[in-house]
Amino acid sequence: MGGEEVKTTEVIGYDSSKQTYFTISFDNQGNAGAYLANLRDCLWTINGELERFMGEFSSDGNTLKGKWELLSDGSSWQPWMDIKLTKEII
């Protein structure tokens, strides 16, 4: 990311009473984050205090493409990064 290698571990859980996912992530740069996420059809959304993501899974479920945004000045969302994740089938 930005010329740096960032390694992240993420734990994803599901709260059946709220019908929502929750995630906690930790990276090798000392950052941690907690988020709420939802999956509706093929649309995966993640919301945190300062970051949010909206992406879509491919019809075969092997690829997720989407955009992250950062909250700037406390009121407006700005583009942060585009991602494409592909499941490697071994």
PDB file of N, CA and C in Angstrom:
ATOM      1  N   MET A   1       0.855  -1.161   0.000  1.00  0.00           N
ATOM      2  CA  MET A   1       0.000   0.000   0.000  1.00  0.00           C
ATOM      3  C   MET A   1       0.903   1.226   0.000  1.00  0.00           C
ATOM      4  N   GLY A   2       0.809   2.026  -1.040  1.00  0.00           N
ATOM      5  CA  GLY A   2       1.652   3.208  -1.128  1.00  0.00           C
ATOM      6  C   GLY A   2       3.130   2.885  -1.156  1.00  0.00           C
ATOM      7  N   GLY A   3       3.500   1.744  -1.743  1.00  0.00           N
ATOM      8  CA  GLY A   3       4.899   1.344  -1.790  1.00  0.00           C
ATOM      9  C   GLY A   3       5.356   0.570  -0.571  1.00  0.00           C
ATOM     10  N   GLU A   4       4.526   0.460   0.437  1.00  0.00           N
ATOM     11  CA  GLU A   4       4.863  -0.301   1.638  1.00  0.00           C
ATOM     12  C   GLU A   4       4.075  -1.594   1.676  1.00  0.00           C
ATOM     13  N   GLU A   5       4.713  -2.626   2.207  1.00  0.00           N
ATOM     14  CA  GLU A   5       4.002  -3.883   2.395  1.00  0.00           C
ATOM     15  C   GLU A   5       3.258  -3.826   3.722  1.00  0.00           C
ATOM     16  N   VAL A   6       1.955  -4.019   3.656  1.00  0.00           N
ATOM     17  CA  VAL A   6       1.131  -4.017   4.862  1.00  0.00           C
ATOM     18  C   VAL A   6       0.505  -5.392   4.991  1.00  0.00           C
ATOM     19  N   LYS A   7       0.726  -6.012   6.147  1.00  0.00           N
ATOM     20  CA  LYS A   7       0.140  -7.324   6.424  1.00  0.00           C
ATOM     21  C   LYS A   7      -0.911  -7.147   7.504  1.00  0.00           C
ATOM     22  N   THR A   8      -2.085  -7.706   7.250  1.00  0.00           N
ATOM     23  CA  THR A   8      -3.210  -7.511   8.157  1.00  0.00           C
ATOM     24  C   THR A   8      -3.834  -8.842   8.527  1.00  0.00           C
ATOM     25  N   THR A   9      -4.225  -8.945   9.784  1.00  0.00           N
ATOM     26  CA  THR A   9      -5.034 -10.063  10.254  1.00  0.00           C
ATOM     27  C   THR A   9      -6.394  -9.500  10.625  1.00  0.00           C
ATOM     28  N   GLU A  10      -7.438 -10.157  10.152  1.00  0.00           N
ATOM     29  CA  GLU A  10      -8.784  -9.677  10.435  1.00  0.00           C
ATOM     30  C   GLU A  10      -9.632 -10.828  10.968  1.00  0.00           C
ATOM     31  N   VAL A  11     -10.356 -10.551  12.016  1.00  0.00           N
ATOM     32  CA  VAL A  11     -11.291 -11.514  12.592  1.00  0.00           C
ATOM     33  C   VAL A  11     -12.693 -11.025  12.254  1.00  0.00           C
ATOM     34  N   ILE A  12     -13.499 -11.909  11.665  1.00  0.00           N
ATOM     35  CA  ILE A  12     -14.860 -11.549  11.274  1.00  0.00           C
ATOM     36  C   ILE A  12     -15.830 -12.447  12.034  1.00  0.00           C
ATOM     37  N   GLY A  13     -16.805 -11.832  12.671  1.00  0.00           N
ATOM     38  CA  GLY A  13     -17.833 -12.578  13.389  1.00  0.00           C
ATOM     39  C   GLY A  13     -19.206 -12.159  12.909  1.00  0.00           C
ATOM     40  N   TYR A  14     -20.222 -12.888  13.357  1.00  0.00           N
ATOM     41  CA  TYR A  14     -21.591 -12.590  12.949  1.00  0.00           C
ATOM     42  C   TYR A  14     -22.481 -12.512  14.175  1.00  0.00           C
ATOM     43  N   ASP A  15     -23.241 -11.436  14.279  1.00  0.00           N
ATOM     44  CA  ASP A  15     -24.196 -11.243  15.363  1.00  0.00           C
ATOM     45  C   ASP A  15     -25.579 -11.560  14.803  1.00  0.00           C
ATOM     46  N   SER A  16     -26.090 -12.756  15.117  1.00  0.00           N
ATOM     47  CA  SER A  16     -27.368 -13.179  14.534  1.00  0.00           C
ATOM     48  C   SER A  16     -28.547 -12.353  15.043  1.00  0.00           C
ATOM     49  N   SER A  17     -28.458 -11.825  16.263  1.00  0.00           N
ATOM     50  CA  SER A  17     -29.573 -11.014  16.778  1.00  0.00           C
ATOM     51  C   SER A  17     -29.700  -9.690  16.022  1.00  0.00           C
ATOM     52  N   LYS A  18     -28.572  -9.144  15.541  1.00  0.00           N
ATOM     53  CA  LYS A  18     -28.589  -7.888  14.777  1.00  0.00           C
ATOM     54  C   LYS A  18     -28.478  -8.126  13.272  1.00  0.00           C
ATOM     55  N   GLN A  19     -28.250  -9.381  12.903  1.00  0.00           N
ATOM     56  CA  GLN A  19     -28.051  -9.762  11.509  1.00  0.00           C
ATOM     57  C   GLN A  19     -27.000  -8.896  10.829  1.00  0.00           C
ATOM     58  N   THR A  20     -25.856  -8.764  11.497  1.00  0.00           N
ATOM     59  CA  THR A  20     -24.748  -7.986  10.951  1.00  0.00           C
ATOM     60  C   THR A  20     -23.428  -8.654  11.319  1.00  0.00           C
ATOM     61  N   TYR A  21     -22.418  -8.353  10.550  1.00  0.00           N
ATOM     62  CA  TYR A  21     -21.070  -8.850  10.831  1.00  0.00           C
ATOM     63  C   TYR A  21     -20.318  -7.780  11.601  1.00  0.00           C
ATOM     64  N   PHE A  22     -19.338  -8.221  12.385  1.00  0.00           N
ATOM     65  CA  PHE A  22     -18.414  -7.292  13.022  1.00  0.00           C
ATOM     66  C   PHE A  22     -17.012  -7.773  12.711  1.00  0.00           C
ATOM     67  N   THR A  23     -16.097  -6.837  12.563  1.00  0.00           N
ATOM     68  CA  THR A  23     -14.721  -7.194  12.244  1.00  0.00           C
ATOM     69  C   THR A  23     -13.768  -6.418  13.146  1.00  0.00           C
ATOM     70  N   ILE A  24     -12.651  -7.048  13.418  1.00  0.00           N
ATOM     71  CA  ILE A  24     -11.555  -6.399  14.134  1.00  0.00           C
ATOM     72  C   ILE A  24     -10.295  -6.729  13.346  1.00  0.00           C
ATOM     73  N   SER A  25      -9.506  -5.718  13.014  1.00  0.00           N
ATOM     74  CA  SER A  25      -8.293  -5.946  12.229  1.00  0.00           C
ATOM     75  C   SER A  25      -7.073  -5.356  12.930  1.00  0.00           C
ATOM     76  N   PHE A  26      -5.931  -5.987  12.656  1.00  0.00           N
ATOM     77  CA  PHE A  26      -4.645  -5.585  13.220  1.00  0.00           C
ATOM     78  C   PHE A  26      -3.610  -5.680  12.103  1.00  0.00           C
ATOM     79  N   ASP A  27      -2.734  -4.665  11.987  1.00  0.00           N
ATOM     80  CA  ASP A  27      -1.704  -4.763  10.958  1.00  0.00           C
ATOM     81  C   ASP A  27      -0.303  -4.668  11.551  1.00  0.00           C
ATOM     82  N   ASN A  28       0.686  -4.910  10.683  1.00  0.00           N
ATOM     83  CA  ASN A  28       2.086  -4.935  11.104  1.00  0.00           C
ATOM     84  C   ASN A  28       2.660  -3.541  11.349  1.00  0.00           C
ATOM     85  N   GLN A  29       1.834  -2.505  11.219  1.00  0.00           N
ATOM     86  CA  GLN A  29       2.287  -1.143  11.484  1.00  0.00           C
ATOM     87  C   GLN A  29       1.734  -0.625  12.809  1.00  0.00           C
ATOM     88  N   GLY A  30       1.066  -1.515  13.562  1.00  0.00           N
ATOM     89  CA  GLY A  30       0.535  -1.138  14.860  1.00  0.00           C
ATOM     90  C   GLY A  30      -0.873  -0.575  14.843  1.00  0.00           C
ATOM     91  N   ASN A  31      -1.531  -0.619  13.699  1.00  0.00           N
ATOM     92  CA  ASN A  31      -2.899  -0.106  13.592  1.00  0.00           C
ATOM     93  C   ASN A  31      -3.920  -1.191  13.927  1.00  0.00           C
ATOM     94  N   ALA A  32      -5.019  -0.781  14.496  1.00  0.00           N
ATOM     95  CA  ALA A  32      -6.131  -1.689  14.774  1.00  0.00           C
ATOM     96  C   ALA A  32      -7.420  -0.956  14.446  1.00  0.00           C
ATOM     97  N   GLY A  33      -8.437  -1.716  14.062  1.00  0.00           N
ATOM     98  CA  GLY A  33      -9.713  -1.087  13.749  1.00  0.00           C
ATOM     99  C   GLY A  33     -10.861  -2.030  14.031  1.00  0.00           C
ATOM    100  N   ALA A  34     -11.991  -1.462  14.370  1.00  0.00           N
ATOM    101  CA  ALA A  34     -13.222  -2.221  14.594  1.00  0.00           C
ATOM    102  C   ALA A  34     -14.281  -1.686  13.645  1.00  0.00           C
ATOM    103  N   TYR A  35     -15.019  -2.593  13.022  1.00  0.00           N
ATOM    104  CA  TYR A  35     -15.966  -2.199  11.991  1.00  0.00           C
ATOM    105  C   TYR A  35     -17.244  -3.033  12.079  1.00  0.00           C
ATOM    106  N   LEU A  36     -18.305  -2.519  11.483  1.00  0.00           N
ATOM    107  CA  LEU A  36     -19.535  -3.273  11.270  1.00  0.00           C
ATOM    108  C   LEU A  36     -19.656  -3.495   9.771  1.00  0.00           C
ATOM    109  N   ALA A  37     -20.128  -4.673   9.391  1.00  0.00           N
ATOM    110  CA  ALA A  37     -20.209  -5.008   7.973  1.00  0.00           C
ATOM    111  C   ALA A  37     -21.526  -5.702   7.663  1.00  0.00           C
ATOM    112  N   ASN A  38     -21.921  -5.597   6.408  1.00  0.00           N
ATOM    113  CA  ASN A  38     -23.153  -6.239   5.944  1.00  0.00           C
ATOM    114  C   ASN A  38     -22.939  -6.847   4.574  1.00  0.00           C
ATOM    115  N   LEU A  39     -23.597  -7.959   4.338  1.00  0.00           N
ATOM    116  CA  LEU A  39     -23.602  -8.602   3.030  1.00  0.00           C
ATOM    117  C   LEU A  39     -25.043  -8.698   2.573  1.00  0.00           C
ATOM    118  N   ARG A  40     -25.371  -8.038   1.484  1.00  0.00           N
ATOM    119  CA  ARG A  40     -26.700  -8.077   0.880  1.00  0.00           C
ATOM    120  C   ARG A  40     -26.513  -8.446  -0.583  1.00  0.00           C
ATOM    121  N   ASP A  41     -27.054  -9.613  -0.926  1.00  0.00           N
ATOM    122  CA  ASP A  41     -26.822 -10.177  -2.256  1.00  0.00           C
ATOM    123  C   ASP A  41     -25.309 -10.269  -2.455  1.00  0.00           C
ATOM    124  N   CYS A  42     -24.746  -9.571  -3.416  1.00  0.00           N
ATOM    125  CA  CYS A  42     -23.294  -9.622  -3.653  1.00  0.00           C
ATOM    126  C   CYS A  42     -22.579  -8.375  -3.142  1.00  0.00           C
ATOM    127  N   LEU A  43     -23.299  -7.480  -2.480  1.00  0.00           N
ATOM    128  CA  LEU A  43     -22.732  -6.212  -2.023  1.00  0.00           C
ATOM    129  C   LEU A  43     -22.222  -6.340  -0.590  1.00  0.00           C
ATOM    130  N   TRP A  44     -20.934  -6.054  -0.371  1.00  0.00           N
ATOM    131  CA  TRP A  44     -20.277  -6.133   0.927  1.00  0.00           C
ATOM    132  C   TRP A  44     -19.926  -4.714   1.354  1.00  0.00           C
ATOM    133  N   THR A  45     -20.456  -4.275   2.493  1.00  0.00           N
ATOM    134  CA  THR A  45     -20.146  -2.937   3.005  1.00  0.00           C
ATOM    135  C   THR A  45     -19.510  -3.064   4.375  1.00  0.00           C
ATOM    136  N   ILE A  46     -18.569  -2.182   4.654  1.00  0.00           N
ATOM    137  CA  ILE A  46     -17.867  -2.133   5.933  1.00  0.00           C
ATOM    138  C   ILE A  46     -17.877  -0.685   6.392  1.00  0.00           C
ATOM    139  N   ASN A  47     -18.238  -0.459   7.655  1.00  0.00           N
ATOM    140  CA  ASN A  47     -18.289   0.909   8.186  1.00  0.00           C
ATOM    141  C   ASN A  47     -17.535   1.003   9.500  1.00  0.00           C
ATOM    142  N   GLY A  48     -16.612   1.963   9.549  1.00  0.00           N
ATOM    143  CA  GLY A  48     -15.891   2.279  10.770  1.00  0.00           C
ATOM    144  C   GLY A  48     -16.075   3.752  11.083  1.00  0.00           C
ATOM    145  N   GLU A  49     -15.412   4.197  12.139  1.00  0.00           N
ATOM    146  CA  GLU A  49     -15.527   5.617  12.506  1.00  0.00           C
ATOM    147  C   GLU A  49     -14.965   6.535  11.434  1.00  0.00           C
ATOM    148  N   LEU A  50     -13.802   6.150  10.873  1.00  0.00           N
ATOM    149  CA  LEU A  50     -13.107   7.035   9.937  1.00  0.00           C
ATOM    150  C   LEU A  50     -12.944   6.451   8.548  1.00  0.00           C
ATOM    151  N   GLU A  51     -13.310   5.171   8.368  1.00  0.00           N
ATOM    152  CA  GLU A  51     -13.178   4.521   7.078  1.00  0.00           C
ATOM    153  C   GLU A  51     -14.485   3.797   6.746  1.00  0.00           C
ATOM    154  N   ARG A  52     -14.710   3.668   5.430  1.00  0.00           N
ATOM    155  CA  ARG A  52     -15.829   2.842   4.990  1.00  0.00           C
ATOM    156  C   ARG A  52     -15.475   2.219   3.646  1.00  0.00           C
ATOM    157  N   PHE A  53     -16.128   1.098   3.365  1.00  0.00           N
ATOM    158  CA  PHE A  53     -15.854   0.335   2.152  1.00  0.00           C
ATOM    159  C   PHE A  53     -17.168  -0.113   1.534  1.00  0.00           C
ATOM    160  N   MET A  54     -17.216  -0.105   0.203  1.00  0.00           N
ATOM    161  CA  MET A  54     -18.335  -0.684  -0.518  1.00  0.00           C
ATOM    162  C   MET A  54     -17.757  -1.457  -1.689  1.00  0.00           C
ATOM    163  N   GLY A  55     -18.100  -2.737  -1.750  1.00  0.00           N
ATOM    164  CA  GLY A  55     -17.591  -3.567  -2.828  1.00  0.00           C
ATOM    165  C   GLY A  55     -18.601  -4.614  -3.243  1.00  0.00           C
ATOM    166  N   GLU A  56     -18.299  -5.272  -4.351  1.00  0.00           N
ATOM    167  CA  GLU A  56     -19.209  -6.271  -4.889  1.00  0.00           C
ATOM    168  C   GLU A  56     -18.438  -7.541  -5.226  1.00  0.00           C
ATOM    169  N   PHE A  57     -19.013  -8.681  -4.811  1.00  0.00           N
ATOM    170  CA  PHE A  57     -18.451  -9.980  -5.154  1.00  0.00           C
ATOM    171  C   PHE A  57     -18.858 -10.353  -6.576  1.00  0.00           C
ATOM    172  N   SER A  58     -17.954 -11.027  -7.272  1.00  0.00           N
ATOM    173  CA  SER A  58     -18.282 -11.546  -8.598  1.00  0.00           C
ATOM    174  C   SER A  58     -19.331 -12.646  -8.458  1.00  0.00           C
ATOM    175  N   SER A  59     -19.964 -13.007  -9.566  1.00  0.00           N
ATOM    176  CA  SER A  59     -21.031 -14.011  -9.516  1.00  0.00           C
ATOM    177  C   SER A  59     -20.540 -15.368  -9.032  1.00  0.00           C
ATOM    178  N   ASP A  60     -19.252 -15.694  -9.264  1.00  0.00           N
ATOM    179  CA  ASP A  60     -18.713 -16.964  -8.776  1.00  0.00           C
ATOM    180  C   ASP A  60     -18.168 -16.863  -7.351  1.00  0.00           C
ATOM    181  N   GLY A  61     -18.181 -15.644  -6.771  1.00  0.00           N
ATOM    182  CA  GLY A  61     -17.722 -15.443  -5.400  1.00  0.00           C
ATOM    183  C   GLY A  61     -16.217 -15.442  -5.225  1.00  0.00           C
ATOM    184  N   ASN A  62     -15.457 -15.474  -6.313  1.00  0.00           N
ATOM    185  CA  ASN A  62     -13.994 -15.543  -6.217  1.00  0.00           C
ATOM    186  C   ASN A  62     -13.290 -14.199  -6.229  1.00  0.00           C
ATOM    187  N   THR A  63     -14.002 -13.123  -6.538  1.00  0.00           N
ATOM    188  CA  THR A  63     -13.375 -11.799  -6.622  1.00  0.00           C
ATOM    189  C   THR A  63     -14.248 -10.779  -5.893  1.00  0.00           C
ATOM    190  N   LEU A  64     -13.581  -9.895  -5.162  1.00  0.00           N
ATOM    191  CA  LEU A  64     -14.249  -8.767  -4.514  1.00  0.00           C
ATOM    192  C   LEU A  64     -13.566  -7.500  -5.000  1.00  0.00           C
ATOM    193  N   LYS A  65     -14.329  -6.593  -5.619  1.00  0.00           N
ATOM    194  CA  LYS A  65     -13.800  -5.304  -6.073  1.00  0.00           C
ATOM    195  C   LYS A  65     -14.581  -4.199  -5.381  1.00  0.00           C
ATOM    196  N   GLY A  66     -13.856  -3.162  -4.932  1.00  0.00           N
ATOM    197  CA  GLY A  66     -14.550  -2.069  -4.290  1.00  0.00           C
ATOM    198  C   GLY A  66     -13.657  -0.895  -3.975  1.00  0.00           C
ATOM    199  N   LYS A  67     -14.235   0.053  -3.231  1.00  0.00           N
ATOM    200  CA  LYS A  67     -13.554   1.309  -2.914  1.00  0.00           C
ATOM    201  C   LYS A  67     -13.622   1.595  -1.418  1.00  0.00           C
ATOM    202  N   TRP A  68     -12.487   2.003  -0.866  1.00  0.00           N
ATOM    203  CA  TRP A  68     -12.413   2.498   0.513  1.00  0.00           C
ATOM    204  C   TRP A  68     -12.444   4.017   0.472  1.00  0.00           C
ATOM    205  N   GLU A  69     -13.085   4.591   1.473  1.00  0.00           N
ATOM    206  CA  GLU A  69     -13.103   6.049   1.641  1.00  0.00           C
ATOM    207  C   GLU A  69     -12.703   6.393   3.071  1.00  0.00           C
ATOM    208  N   LEU A  70     -12.120   7.576   3.225  1.00  0.00           N
ATOM    209  CA  LEU A  70     -11.737   8.106   4.539  1.00  0.00           C
ATOM    210  C   LEU A  70     -12.570   9.337   4.845  1.00  0.00           C
ATOM    211  N   LEU A  71     -12.925   9.480   6.111  1.00  0.00           N
ATOM    212  CA  LEU A  71     -13.647  10.673   6.547  1.00  0.00           C
ATOM    213  C   LEU A  71     -12.639  11.794   6.749  1.00  0.00           C
ATOM    214  N   SER A  72     -12.822  12.881   6.006  1.00  0.00           N
ATOM    215  CA  SER A  72     -11.906  14.006   6.159  1.00  0.00           C
ATOM    216  C   SER A  72     -12.637  15.164   6.805  1.00  0.00           C
ATOM    217  N   ASP A  73     -11.964  15.909   7.567  1.00  0.00           N
ATOM    218  CA  ASP A  73     -12.458  17.084   8.301  1.00  0.00           C
ATOM    219  C   ASP A  73     -13.732  16.797   9.090  1.00  0.00           C
ATOM    220  N   GLY A  74     -13.965  15.519   9.394  1.00  0.00           N
ATOM    221  CA  GLY A  74     -15.108  15.153  10.220  1.00  0.00           C
ATOM    222  C   GLY A  74     -16.461  15.193   9.540  1.00  0.00           C
ATOM    223  N   SER A  75     -16.491  15.552   8.237  1.00  0.00           N
ATOM    224  CA  SER A  75     -17.812  15.673   7.616  1.00  0.00           C
ATOM    225  C   SER A  75     -17.921  15.149   6.192  1.00  0.00           C
ATOM    226  N   SER A  76     -16.825  15.001   5.473  1.00  0.00           N
ATOM    227  CA  SER A  76     -16.950  14.558   4.079  1.00  0.00           C
ATOM    228  C   SER A  76     -16.060  13.344   3.817  1.00  0.00           C
ATOM    229  N   TRP A  77     -16.605  12.415   3.028  1.00  0.00           N
ATOM    230  CA  TRP A  77     -15.880  11.198   2.669  1.00  0.00           C
ATOM    231  C   TRP A  77     -15.062  11.439   1.410  1.00  0.00           C
ATOM    232  N   GLN A  78     -13.784  11.014   1.448  1.00  0.00           N
ATOM    233  CA  GLN A  78     -12.872  11.189   0.322  1.00  0.00           C
ATOM    234  C   GLN A  78     -12.362   9.827  -0.130  1.00  0.00           C
ATOM    235  N   PRO A  79     -12.158   9.637  -1.458  1.00  0.00           N
ATOM    236  CA  PRO A  79     -11.606   8.379  -1.949  1.00  0.00           C
ATOM    237  C   PRO A  79     -10.268   8.079  -1.283  1.00  0.00           C
ATOM    238  N   TRP A  80     -10.062   6.823  -0.915  1.00  0.00           N
ATOM    239  CA  TRP A  80      -8.799   6.405  -0.286  1.00  0.00           C
ATOM    240  C   TRP A  80      -8.084   5.401  -1.171  1.00  0.00           C
ATOM    241  N   MET A  81      -8.740   4.260  -1.469  1.00  0.00           N
ATOM    242  CA  MET A  81      -8.098   3.275  -2.326  1.00  0.00           C
ATOM    243  C   MET A  81      -9.141   2.359  -2.958  1.00  0.00           C
ATOM    244  N   ASP A  82      -8.786   1.887  -4.131  1.00  0.00           N
ATOM    245  CA  ASP A  82      -9.564   0.872  -4.828  1.00  0.00           C
ATOM    246  C   ASP A  82      -8.883  -0.470  -4.567  1.00  0.00           C
ATOM    247  N   ILE A  83      -9.687  -1.512  -4.371  1.00  0.00           N
ATOM    248  CA  ILE A  83      -9.091  -2.822  -4.157  1.00  0.00           C
ATOM    249  C   ILE A  83      -9.737  -3.855  -5.059  1.00  0.00           C
ATOM    250  N   LYS A  84      -8.971  -4.895  -5.318  1.00  0.00           N
ATOM    251  CA  LYS A  84      -9.479  -6.084  -5.978  1.00  0.00           C
ATOM    252  C   LYS A  84      -8.831  -7.269  -5.277  1.00  0.00           C
ATOM    253  N   LEU A  85      -9.661  -8.087  -4.657  1.00  0.00           N
ATOM    254  CA  LEU A  85      -9.189  -9.290  -3.963  1.00  0.00           C
ATOM    255  C   LEU A  85      -9.664 -10.496  -4.738  1.00  0.00           C
ATOM    256  N   THR A  86      -8.759 -11.436  -4.972  1.00  0.00           N
ATOM    257  CA  THR A  86      -9.091 -12.646  -5.730  1.00  0.00           C
ATOM    258  C   THR A  86      -8.730 -13.868  -4.913  1.00  0.00           C
ATOM    259  N   LYS A  87      -9.683 -14.771  -4.788  1.00  0.00           N
ATOM    260  CA  LYS A  87      -9.445 -16.019  -4.084  1.00  0.00           C
ATOM    261  C   LYS A  87      -8.553 -16.901  -4.948  1.00  0.00           C
ATOM    262  N   GLU A  88      -7.496 -17.382  -4.338  1.00  0.00           N
ATOM    263  CA  GLU A  88      -6.610 -18.291  -5.050  1.00  0.00           C
ATOM    264  C   GLU A  88      -7.071 -19.709  -4.781  1.00  0.00           C
ATOM    265  N   ILE A  89      -7.373 -20.419  -5.827  1.00  0.00           N
ATOM    266  CA  ILE A  89      -7.810 -21.803  -5.691  1.00  0.00           C
ATOM    267  C   ILE A  89      -6.613 -22.700  -5.955  1.00  0.00           C
ATOM    268  N   ILE A  90      -6.287 -23.460  -4.945  1.00  0.00           N
ATOM    269  CA  ILE A  90      -5.082 -24.312  -5.029  1.00  0.00           C
ATOM    270  C   ILE A  90      -5.464 -25.740  -5.340  1.00  0.00           C
TER     271      ILE A  90
END
